[in-house]
Every structure is written in C-alpha cells, then in structure tokens.
Amino acid sequence: MKKTILMPINFIIAIPSYKRSETIAKKTLKCLENNNIPQDKIFIFVADEEEKKIYQENNPNYENIIVSKLGKTNSVNFIIDYFEEGKEIFFMDDDISKIVYLDREKTLNEKQESHIMKNDDLIEFLNDAFIRLKLLDLFIFGVYPVCNAYFMKKTICYNLKLLLGGMYGIINRHCMKGDTALGDNKEDYSRTLQYYLKDKKIIRYNYISPYTLVYKGAGGMVDNRTYEAELRSCNYLLEHYPQYVSWNNRKKNSKFPEITLND
C-alpha cells in the first residue's frame, strides 16, 4: 500500500473470543503484531473468569483481557457499552491469520494478485477509514467478505452490501446494539441493515479482506452453529426486512441456508 505520514493511533482493536486462547495467539494476535499494532490498543473479550485465566496464561503479554458475556451478539453489545460514545473501534475475529489487499486493478488478461498487510499497512488503512467515516458523517465500514483476489475489486462502495462480521470498524454509538432476538447467526447481516437504514449509507472496501477458515475449527461460534439455528435466523431477517433480504440460491456448496441483501 502507498505509504503516508501516519497519525497517532486513536482506534482500538476489539476481539470477542471464546475457547480459542491458543488460536488467537497464533492467528489474530500474530497478524496484529506483524502490523505493528501496540499491545495496549488490543482488547480481548472473553466469556467468564475461568476463560480469562486461560487466556492470560496463554497470552501473558496482553493486559487488556476483559470478561464480557457469552455469545457473539452479547459480547459485541457489551463492548459497545464498555467504550465511550465516539470511540473508534475495529472489531476482529480471533482466527484471522492475515489481511490481504489489492494495490491496483488488474489489466486485461492479467491475473489479479493480492498482497498481505504488514508493517504499517493496517494502521494506515484504519486511520484513513475512520477519517472517511467522519468526513461523510457515517459510522461503520467493512471489507470484502471473500478472501479471493479474483473477485475483489479496487473500489469502495456505499450502498447496501454485507459488512462481514469478522472484521469491521465503527464509531461507537451506545444506541446501535445487536438484535438479541436474532441471536448470533447472521448477526452481520442484521448489523449491516441496522446501520444502513439509520445512516442511509455504509462503507465497504472491496479490495481488502481477512483470511479465516469459515465454519471450521474448534471454539468460537462453530460449537453452536447448526443448520436449524441458521434457518431460524434467515427466516427472522426475511420476515423483518422483506424489502432488503431474499434467499441466496447461488451458494450451492454452503452447509447452511444463505440469504442476500438487496438495495
């Protein structure tokens, strides 16, 4: 990425985590270390005191390990209340091994290639992203949901596109909590709609994406995700947002029912 003079780091990194004290060390924390994120800017939110002790043992250099609440939505809502209004918060899942980006659009007959963020790349991106939010009087940005250079584009969009729940940034507002009636499944679809309907625009960077193993590994939401729970969440969103949500029949290989957002 193009280098600029970096401003002070005003944002913090919030990582909700569950039963992944070793995974987070090997993946997300290592990714942040490779991007020069200071440890005092990283906050790890765990389910209970027992989990906190385990995380402290496996991650002794990280002081900001905080007991929140069990469940992704409950934990995110806790984080929103934990920090003051206006705080710049960048949420990350606990199993992100790298963040990739496109530095330019491919030319005709050229294979698209992505690059791994490192050194000050992530700091530069986040500083720019939070400035863009403030300039446009918006409150959330996200990234491309598929870590595949073939589909990524060197564009930024402001219409109704899914903001991946595994990596996104907000300017904190205590009124913008997740829908606990929905639960943890499809919570990123719900959040995307919530911000879009309130602010009329959202921001998605289509040239940046995290690498993670979706629906795989132990811990996190994997332990509790079932077909039935996903189906209930899909039906809930279809019922509450019929104008903006429809079934997605293109994902033939998905293990779970899928929906799509319509602007």
C-alpha atoms as a PDB file:
ATOM      1  CA  MET A   1       0.000   0.000   0.000  1.00  0.00           C
ATOM      2  CA  LYS A   2       1.116   3.598  -0.533  1.00  0.00           C
ATOM      3  CA  LYS A   3       2.953   4.964   2.475  1.00  0.00           C
ATOM      4  CA  THR A   4       1.867   8.202   4.128  1.00  0.00           C
ATOM      5  CA  ILE A   5       2.827  10.079   7.262  1.00  0.00           C
ATOM      6  CA  LEU A   6       0.948   8.245   9.987  1.00  0.00           C
ATOM      7  CA  MET A   7      -1.197   9.991  12.534  1.00  0.00           C
ATOM      8  CA  PRO A   8      -1.434   8.916  16.181  1.00  0.00           C
ATOM      9  CA  ILE A   9      -3.378   5.692  16.719  1.00  0.00           C
ATOM     10  CA  ASN A  10      -6.764   6.739  18.096  1.00  0.00           C
ATOM     11  CA  PHE A  11      -8.559   3.453  17.399  1.00  0.00           C
ATOM     12  CA  ILE A  12      -8.595   0.296  19.494  1.00  0.00           C
ATOM     13  CA  ILE A  13      -8.882  -3.332  18.372  1.00  0.00           C
ATOM     14  CA  ALA A  14     -11.717  -5.356  19.969  1.00  0.00           C
ATOM     15  CA  ILE A  15     -11.608  -9.145  19.686  1.00  0.00           C
ATOM     16  CA  PRO A  16     -14.528 -11.193  21.054  1.00  0.00           C
ATOM     17  CA  SER A  17     -13.161 -14.686  21.697  1.00  0.00           C
ATOM     18  CA  TYR A  18     -14.420 -17.990  23.039  1.00  0.00           C
ATOM     19  CA  LYS A  19     -12.382 -21.122  23.789  1.00  0.00           C
ATOM     20  CA  ARG A  20      -9.589 -20.049  21.445  1.00  0.00           C
ATOM     21  CA  SER A  21      -6.796 -18.896  23.736  1.00  0.00           C
ATOM     22  CA  GLU A  22      -4.164 -20.645  21.612  1.00  0.00           C
ATOM     23  CA  THR A  23      -5.756 -19.921  18.233  1.00  0.00           C
ATOM     24  CA  ILE A  24      -5.925 -16.192  18.898  1.00  0.00           C
ATOM     25  CA  ALA A  25      -2.228 -16.148  19.783  1.00  0.00           C
ATOM     26  CA  LYS A  26      -1.205 -17.949  16.606  1.00  0.00           C
ATOM     27  CA  LYS A  27      -3.534 -16.076  14.290  1.00  0.00           C
ATOM     28  CA  THR A  28      -5.147 -12.701  15.079  1.00  0.00           C
ATOM     29  CA  LEU A  29      -2.589 -11.530  17.656  1.00  0.00           C
ATOM     30  CA  LYS A  30       0.264 -12.610  15.394  1.00  0.00           C
ATOM     31  CA  CYS A  31      -1.393 -10.799  12.482  1.00  0.00           C
ATOM     32  CA  LEU A  32      -1.643  -7.622  14.571  1.00  0.00           C
ATOM     33  CA  GLU A  33       1.953  -7.990  15.727  1.00  0.00           C
ATOM     34  CA  ASN A  34       3.060  -8.204  12.084  1.00  0.00           C
ATOM     35  CA  ASN A  35       1.185  -4.941  11.507  1.00  0.00           C
ATOM     36  CA  ASN A  36       2.856  -3.051  14.373  1.00  0.00           C
ATOM     37  CA  ILE A  37      -0.324  -2.670  16.425  1.00  0.00           C
ATOM     38  CA  PRO A  38       0.678  -1.812  20.023  1.00  0.00           C
ATOM     39  CA  GLN A  39      -0.491  -4.370  22.566  1.00  0.00           C
ATOM     40  CA  ASP A  40      -2.153  -1.699  24.698  1.00  0.00           C
ATOM     41  CA  LYS A  41      -4.506  -0.961  21.785  1.00  0.00           C
ATOM     42  CA  ILE A  42      -5.747  -4.571  21.715  1.00  0.00           C
ATOM     43  CA  PHE A  43      -8.693  -5.633  23.890  1.00  0.00           C
ATOM     44  CA  ILE A  44      -9.705  -9.299  24.131  1.00  0.00           C
ATOM     45  CA  PHE A  45     -13.214 -10.019  25.427  1.00  0.00           C
ATOM     46  CA  VAL A  46     -13.877 -13.465  26.901  1.00  0.00           C
ATOM     47  CA  ALA A  47     -16.938 -15.255  28.287  1.00  0.00           C
ATOM     48  CA  ASP A  48     -16.137 -15.678  32.001  1.00  0.00           C
ATOM     49  CA  GLU A  49     -13.449 -15.575  34.698  1.00  0.00           C
ATOM     50  CA  GLU A  50     -12.303 -19.121  34.005  1.00  0.00           C
ATOM     51  CA  GLU A  51     -11.749 -18.297  30.357  1.00  0.00           C
ATOM     52  CA  LYS A  52      -9.899 -15.127  31.364  1.00  0.00           C
ATOM     53  CA  LYS A  53      -7.369 -17.124  33.389  1.00  0.00           C
ATOM     54  CA  ILE A  54      -6.728 -19.470  30.465  1.00  0.00           C
ATOM     55  CA  TYR A  55      -6.267 -16.561  28.042  1.00  0.00           C
ATOM     56  CA  GLN A  56      -3.896 -14.821  30.460  1.00  0.00           C
ATOM     57  CA  GLU A  57      -1.799 -17.972  30.778  1.00  0.00           C
ATOM     58  CA  ASN A  58      -1.531 -18.396  27.008  1.00  0.00           C
ATOM     59  CA  ASN A  59      -1.162 -14.670  26.240  1.00  0.00           C
ATOM     60  CA  PRO A  60       0.819 -13.208  29.162  1.00  0.00           C
ATOM     61  CA  ASN A  61       1.901 -10.056  27.304  1.00  0.00           C
ATOM     62  CA  TYR A  62      -1.668  -8.840  26.797  1.00  0.00           C
ATOM     63  CA  GLU A  63      -3.115  -6.924  29.748  1.00  0.00           C
ATOM     64  CA  ASN A  64      -6.489  -5.995  28.259  1.00  0.00           C
ATOM     65  CA  ILE A  65      -8.304  -9.315  28.681  1.00  0.00           C
ATOM     66  CA  ILE A  66     -11.820  -8.495  29.830  1.00  0.00           C
ATOM     67  CA  VAL A  67     -14.748 -10.642  30.933  1.00  0.00           C
ATOM     68  CA  SER A  68     -17.807  -9.763  28.849  1.00  0.00           C
ATOM     69  CA  LYS A  69     -20.747 -12.069  28.106  1.00  0.00           C
ATOM     70  CA  LEU A  70     -21.231 -15.408  26.391  1.00  0.00           C
ATOM     71  CA  GLY A  71     -22.328 -15.291  22.750  1.00  0.00           C
ATOM     72  CA  LYS A  72     -21.162 -13.131  19.839  1.00  0.00           C
ATOM     73  CA  THR A  73     -24.063 -10.674  19.928  1.00  0.00           C
ATOM     74  CA  ASN A  74     -23.990 -10.368  23.714  1.00  0.00           C
ATOM     75  CA  SER A  75     -20.238  -9.822  23.668  1.00  0.00           C
ATOM     76  CA  VAL A  76     -20.420  -7.144  20.955  1.00  0.00           C
ATOM     77  CA  ASN A  77     -23.195  -5.363  22.856  1.00  0.00           C
ATOM     78  CA  PHE A  78     -21.036  -5.459  25.988  1.00  0.00           C
ATOM     79  CA  ILE A  79     -18.133  -3.935  24.037  1.00  0.00           C
ATOM     80  CA  ILE A  80     -20.346  -1.137  22.723  1.00  0.00           C
ATOM     81  CA  ASP A  81     -21.300  -0.262  26.295  1.00  0.00           C
ATOM     82  CA  TYR A  82     -17.743  -0.730  27.577  1.00  0.00           C
ATOM     83  CA  PHE A  83     -16.267   2.039  25.437  1.00  0.00           C
ATOM     84  CA  GLU A  84     -17.384   5.654  25.365  1.00  0.00           C
ATOM     85  CA  GLU A  85     -19.512   7.232  22.663  1.00  0.00           C
ATOM     86  CA  GLY A  86     -17.430   8.254  19.669  1.00  0.00           C
ATOM     87  CA  LYS A  87     -14.670   5.698  20.296  1.00  0.00           C
ATOM     88  CA  GLU A  88     -13.092   4.296  17.129  1.00  0.00           C
ATOM     89  CA  ILE A  89     -13.407   0.508  17.429  1.00  0.00           C
ATOM     90  CA  PHE A  90     -12.097  -2.045  14.948  1.00  0.00           C
ATOM     91  CA  PHE A  91     -13.640  -5.481  15.545  1.00  0.00           C
ATOM     92  CA  MET A  92     -11.766  -8.628  14.536  1.00  0.00           C
ATOM     93  CA  ASP A  93     -12.498 -12.332  14.882  1.00  0.00           C
ATOM     94  CA  ASP A  94      -9.992 -14.377  16.861  1.00  0.00           C
ATOM     95  CA  ASP A  95      -8.884 -16.618  13.962  1.00  0.00           C
ATOM     96  CA  ILE A  96      -7.663 -14.154  11.318  1.00  0.00           C
ATOM     97  CA  SER A  97      -4.222 -15.239  10.147  1.00  0.00           C
ATOM     98  CA  LYS A  98      -3.679 -12.429   7.629  1.00  0.00           C
ATOM     99  CA  ILE A  99      -5.323  -9.476   5.927  1.00  0.00           C
ATOM    100  CA  VAL A 100      -4.907  -9.141   2.181  1.00  0.00           C
ATOM    101  CA  TYR A 101      -5.386  -6.213  -0.199  1.00  0.00           C
ATOM    102  CA  LEU A 102      -5.192  -5.255  -3.850  1.00  0.00           C
ATOM    103  CA  ASP A 103      -2.858  -2.387  -4.664  1.00  0.00           C
ATOM    104  CA  ARG A 104      -4.312  -1.817  -8.126  1.00  0.00           C
ATOM    105  CA  GLU A 105      -6.931  -3.086 -10.560  1.00  0.00           C
ATOM    106  CA  LYS A 106      -5.757  -5.769 -12.944  1.00  0.00           C
ATOM    107  CA  THR A 107      -5.372  -5.019 -16.642  1.00  0.00           C
ATOM    108  CA  LEU A 108      -6.848  -7.092 -19.459  1.00  0.00           C
ATOM    109  CA  ASN A 109      -5.641 -10.725 -19.447  1.00  0.00           C
ATOM    110  CA  GLU A 110      -3.653 -10.126 -16.278  1.00  0.00           C
ATOM    111  CA  LYS A 111      -4.022 -12.380 -13.249  1.00  0.00           C
ATOM    112  CA  GLN A 112      -5.159 -10.456 -10.190  1.00  0.00           C
ATOM    113  CA  GLU A 113      -2.767 -10.694  -7.257  1.00  0.00           C
ATOM    114  CA  SER A 114      -3.256  -9.709  -3.642  1.00  0.00           C
ATOM    115  CA  HIS A 115      -0.714  -8.684  -1.028  1.00  0.00           C
ATOM    116  CA  ILE A 116      -0.528  -9.365   2.702  1.00  0.00           C
ATOM    117  CA  MET A 117      -0.783  -6.372   5.027  1.00  0.00           C
ATOM    118  CA  LYS A 118       2.301  -5.920   7.200  1.00  0.00           C
ATOM    119  CA  ASN A 119       4.375  -3.266   8.950  1.00  0.00           C
ATOM    120  CA  ASP A 120       2.223  -0.094   8.972  1.00  0.00           C
ATOM    121  CA  ASP A 121      -0.282  -1.158   6.290  1.00  0.00           C
ATOM    122  CA  LEU A 122      -3.143  -1.844   8.708  1.00  0.00           C
ATOM    123  CA  ILE A 123      -2.543   1.323  10.724  1.00  0.00           C
ATOM    124  CA  GLU A 124      -2.580   3.370   7.528  1.00  0.00           C
ATOM    125  CA  PHE A 125      -5.793   1.729   6.345  1.00  0.00           C
ATOM    126  CA  LEU A 126      -7.616   2.166   9.664  1.00  0.00           C
ATOM    127  CA  ASN A 127      -6.575   5.789  10.065  1.00  0.00           C
ATOM    128  CA  ASP A 128      -7.830   6.534   6.559  1.00  0.00           C
ATOM    129  CA  ALA A 129     -11.050   4.547   7.079  1.00  0.00           C
ATOM    130  CA  PHE A 130     -12.002   6.344  10.293  1.00  0.00           C
ATOM    131  CA  ILE A 131     -11.238   9.723   8.697  1.00  0.00           C
ATOM    132  CA  ARG A 132     -13.535   8.800   5.800  1.00  0.00           C
ATOM    133  CA  LEU A 133     -16.335   7.921   8.247  1.00  0.00           C
ATOM    134  CA  LYS A 134     -16.038  11.290   9.959  1.00  0.00           C
ATOM    135  CA  LEU A 135     -15.867  13.266   6.732  1.00  0.00           C
ATOM    136  CA  LEU A 136     -19.043  11.583   5.463  1.00  0.00           C
ATOM    137  CA  ASP A 137     -20.832  11.584   8.837  1.00  0.00           C
ATOM    138  CA  LEU A 138     -21.065   7.785   8.738  1.00  0.00           C
ATOM    139  CA  PHE A 139     -20.424   5.242  11.490  1.00  0.00           C
ATOM    140  CA  ILE A 140     -19.427   1.850  10.061  1.00  0.00           C
ATOM    141  CA  PHE A 141     -17.069   0.426   7.454  1.00  0.00           C
ATOM    142  CA  GLY A 142     -16.354  -3.129   6.411  1.00  0.00           C
ATOM    143  CA  VAL A 143     -14.334  -5.199   3.977  1.00  0.00           C
ATOM    144  CA  TYR A 144     -14.890  -7.690   1.202  1.00  0.00           C
ATOM    145  CA  PRO A 145     -16.380 -10.959   2.534  1.00  0.00           C
ATOM    146  CA  VAL A 146     -14.448 -13.363   0.273  1.00  0.00           C
ATOM    147  CA  CYS A 147     -10.664 -13.552   0.518  1.00  0.00           C
ATOM    148  CA  ASN A 148     -10.115 -14.217  -3.168  1.00  0.00           C
ATOM    149  CA  ALA A 149      -8.280 -11.769  -5.429  1.00  0.00           C
ATOM    150  CA  TYR A 150     -10.271 -12.951  -8.456  1.00  0.00           C
ATOM    151  CA  PHE A 151     -13.476 -11.451  -7.015  1.00  0.00           C
ATOM    152  CA  MET A 152     -12.032  -8.470  -5.143  1.00  0.00           C
ATOM    153  CA  LYS A 153     -12.021  -5.051  -6.836  1.00  0.00           C
ATOM    154  CA  LYS A 154     -10.103  -1.843  -6.187  1.00  0.00           C
ATOM    155  CA  THR A 155     -13.287   0.016  -5.287  1.00  0.00           C
ATOM    156  CA  ILE A 156     -15.153   1.434  -2.314  1.00  0.00           C
ATOM    157  CA  CYS A 157     -18.953   1.223  -2.227  1.00  0.00           C
ATOM    158  CA  TYR A 158     -21.555   2.968  -0.069  1.00  0.00           C
ATOM    159  CA  ASN A 159     -24.739   1.053  -0.871  1.00  0.00           C
ATOM    160  CA  LEU A 160     -26.264  -1.987   0.841  1.00  0.00           C
ATOM    161  CA  LYS A 161     -23.560  -4.655   0.764  1.00  0.00           C
ATOM    162  CA  LEU A 162     -22.821  -7.159   3.512  1.00  0.00           C
ATOM    163  CA  LEU A 163     -20.241  -5.960   6.030  1.00  0.00           C
ATOM    164  CA  LEU A 164     -18.502  -9.108   7.199  1.00  0.00           C
ATOM    165  CA  GLY A 165     -18.884  -9.729  10.928  1.00  0.00           C
ATOM    166  CA  GLY A 166     -15.316 -10.955  11.242  1.00  0.00           C
ATOM    167  CA  MET A 167     -13.695  -7.580  10.564  1.00  0.00           C
ATOM    168  CA  TYR A 168     -15.288  -4.136  10.601  1.00  0.00           C
ATOM    169  CA  GLY A 169     -14.917  -0.728  12.204  1.00  0.00           C
ATOM    170  CA  ILE A 170     -17.371   1.592  13.924  1.00  0.00           C
ATOM    171  CA  ILE A 171     -17.516   4.970  15.556  1.00  0.00           C
ATOM    172  CA  ASN A 172     -19.227   3.900  18.744  1.00  0.00           C
ATOM    173  CA  ARG A 173     -22.848   4.738  19.477  1.00  0.00           C
ATOM    174  CA  HIS A 174     -24.473   3.136  22.511  1.00  0.00           C
ATOM    175  CA  CYS A 175     -27.829   3.006  20.727  1.00  0.00           C
ATOM    176  CA  MET A 176     -26.530   0.673  17.988  1.00  0.00           C
ATOM    177  CA  LYS A 177     -26.536  -2.665  19.742  1.00  0.00           C
ATOM    178  CA  GLY A 178     -27.132  -6.006  18.060  1.00  0.00           C
ATOM    179  CA  ASP A 179     -30.541  -7.664  17.905  1.00  0.00           C
ATOM    180  CA  THR A 180     -30.549 -10.256  20.700  1.00  0.00           C
ATOM    181  CA  ALA A 181     -33.807 -11.746  19.371  1.00  0.00           C
ATOM    182  CA  LEU A 182     -31.884 -12.807  16.260  1.00  0.00           C
ATOM    183  CA  GLY A 183     -29.089 -14.450  18.228  1.00  0.00           C
ATOM    184  CA  ASP A 184     -25.576 -14.990  16.888  1.00  0.00           C
ATOM    185  CA  ASN A 185     -26.337 -16.425  13.457  1.00  0.00           C
ATOM    186  CA  LYS A 186     -26.419 -13.917  10.569  1.00  0.00           C
ATOM    187  CA  GLU A 187     -25.692 -11.158  13.072  1.00  0.00           C
ATOM    188  CA  ASP A 188     -23.534  -9.378  10.485  1.00  0.00           C
ATOM    189  CA  TYR A 189     -26.494  -9.170   8.090  1.00  0.00           C
ATOM    190  CA  SER A 190     -28.588  -7.649  10.859  1.00  0.00           C
ATOM    191  CA  ARG A 191     -25.871  -5.125  11.771  1.00  0.00           C
ATOM    192  CA  THR A 192     -25.381  -4.133   8.134  1.00  0.00           C
ATOM    193  CA  LEU A 193     -29.103  -3.441   7.774  1.00  0.00           C
ATOM    194  CA  GLN A 194     -29.266  -1.618  11.098  1.00  0.00           C
ATOM    195  CA  TYR A 195     -26.567   0.875  10.127  1.00  0.00           C
ATOM    196  CA  TYR A 196     -27.725   1.237   6.534  1.00  0.00           C
ATOM    197  CA  LEU A 197     -31.307   2.042   7.494  1.00  0.00           C
ATOM    198  CA  LYS A 198     -30.242   4.550  10.149  1.00  0.00           C
ATOM    199  CA  ASP A 199     -27.465   6.345   8.269  1.00  0.00           C
ATOM    200  CA  LYS A 200     -28.594   5.755   4.629  1.00  0.00           C
ATOM    201  CA  LYS A 201     -25.057   4.738   3.644  1.00  0.00           C
ATOM    202  CA  ILE A 202     -22.331   2.360   4.811  1.00  0.00           C
ATOM    203  CA  ILE A 203     -18.777   1.894   3.563  1.00  0.00           C
ATOM    204  CA  ARG A 204     -17.243  -1.295   2.176  1.00  0.00           C
ATOM    205  CA  TYR A 205     -13.670  -1.624   0.949  1.00  0.00           C
ATOM    206  CA  ASN A 206     -13.850  -4.206  -1.817  1.00  0.00           C
ATOM    207  CA  TYR A 207     -10.064  -4.510  -2.101  1.00  0.00           C
ATOM    208  CA  ILE A 208      -9.395  -5.642   1.486  1.00  0.00           C
ATOM    209  CA  SER A 209     -10.337  -8.979   3.070  1.00  0.00           C
ATOM    210  CA  PRO A 210      -9.317 -11.158   6.042  1.00  0.00           C
ATOM    211  CA  TYR A 211      -8.197 -14.744   5.672  1.00  0.00           C
ATOM    212  CA  THR A 212     -10.060 -17.070   8.023  1.00  0.00           C
ATOM    213  CA  LEU A 213     -11.495 -20.587   7.951  1.00  0.00           C
ATOM    214  CA  VAL A 214     -15.260 -20.032   7.914  1.00  0.00           C
ATOM    215  CA  TYR A 215     -17.335 -22.652   9.783  1.00  0.00           C
ATOM    216  CA  LYS A 216     -14.155 -24.540  10.710  1.00  0.00           C
ATOM    217  CA  GLY A 217     -12.008 -25.137  13.784  1.00  0.00           C
ATOM    218  CA  ALA A 218     -12.981 -25.512  17.418  1.00  0.00           C
ATOM    219  CA  GLY A 219     -14.363 -22.775  19.649  1.00  0.00           C
ATOM    220  CA  GLY A 220     -15.951 -19.520  18.584  1.00  0.00           C
ATOM    221  CA  MET A 221     -19.386 -19.825  17.007  1.00  0.00           C
ATOM    222  CA  VAL A 222     -18.521 -23.159  15.409  1.00  0.00           C
ATOM    223  CA  ASP A 223     -19.504 -25.036  18.572  1.00  0.00           C
ATOM    224  CA  ASN A 224     -23.082 -23.731  18.454  1.00  0.00           C
ATOM    225  CA  ARG A 225     -23.802 -23.205  14.755  1.00  0.00           C
ATOM    226  CA  THR A 226     -26.409 -25.582  13.362  1.00  0.00           C
ATOM    227  CA  TYR A 227     -28.495 -25.720  10.224  1.00  0.00           C
ATOM    228  CA  GLU A 228     -31.667 -25.196  12.255  1.00  0.00           C
ATOM    229  CA  ALA A 229     -30.285 -22.111  14.018  1.00  0.00           C
ATOM    230  CA  GLU A 230     -29.124 -20.611  10.731  1.00  0.00           C
ATOM    231  CA  LEU A 231     -32.525 -21.272   9.163  1.00  0.00           C
ATOM    232  CA  ARG A 232     -34.308 -19.551  12.054  1.00  0.00           C
ATOM    233  CA  SER A 233     -32.075 -16.501  11.643  1.00  0.00           C
ATOM    234  CA  CYS A 234     -32.667 -16.384   7.892  1.00  0.00           C
ATOM    235  CA  ASN A 235     -36.429 -16.550   8.365  1.00  0.00           C
ATOM    236  CA  TYR A 236     -36.254 -13.885  11.073  1.00  0.00           C
ATOM    237  CA  LEU A 237     -34.440 -11.461   8.747  1.00  0.00           C
ATOM    238  CA  LEU A 238     -36.716 -12.270   5.814  1.00  0.00           C
ATOM    239  CA  GLU A 239     -39.736 -11.516   7.994  1.00  0.00           C
ATOM    240  CA  HIS A 240     -38.390  -8.282   9.492  1.00  0.00           C
ATOM    241  CA  TYR A 241     -36.672  -6.880   6.371  1.00  0.00           C
ATOM    242  CA  PRO A 242     -38.627  -8.270   3.378  1.00  0.00           C
ATOM    243  CA  GLN A 243     -37.648  -5.310   1.191  1.00  0.00           C
ATOM    244  CA  TYR A 244     -33.938  -5.853   1.711  1.00  0.00           C
ATOM    245  CA  VAL A 245     -33.438  -9.603   2.229  1.00  0.00           C
ATOM    246  CA  SER A 246     -34.011 -12.571  -0.077  1.00  0.00           C
ATOM    247  CA  TRP A 247     -32.848 -16.178  -0.327  1.00  0.00           C
ATOM    248  CA  ASN A 248     -29.462 -16.723  -1.931  1.00  0.00           C
ATOM    249  CA  ASN A 249     -29.653 -19.851  -4.077  1.00  0.00           C
ATOM    250  CA  ARG A 250     -26.281 -19.306  -5.761  1.00  0.00           C
ATOM    251  CA  LYS A 251     -24.209 -20.736  -2.896  1.00  0.00           C
ATOM    252  CA  LYS A 252     -24.725 -24.354  -3.851  1.00  0.00           C
ATOM    253  CA  ASN A 253     -21.867 -25.667  -1.710  1.00  0.00           C
ATOM    254  CA  SER A 254     -22.830 -23.954   1.549  1.00  0.00           C
ATOM    255  CA  LYS A 255     -23.606 -26.210   4.505  1.00  0.00           C
ATOM    256  CA  PHE A 256     -26.165 -23.701   5.753  1.00  0.00           C
ATOM    257  CA  PRO A 257     -29.100 -21.725   4.326  1.00  0.00           C
ATOM    258  CA  GLU A 258     -27.969 -18.423   2.848  1.00  0.00           C
ATOM    259  CA  ILE A 259     -29.546 -15.033   2.220  1.00  0.00           C
ATOM    260  CA  THR A 260     -28.513 -11.937   0.264  1.00  0.00           C
ATOM    261  CA  LEU A 261     -29.089  -8.213   0.706  1.00  0.00           C
ATOM    262  CA  ASN A 262     -30.932  -6.124  -1.873  1.00  0.00           C
ATOM    263  CA  ASP A 263     -30.526  -2.373  -2.133  1.00  0.00           C
END
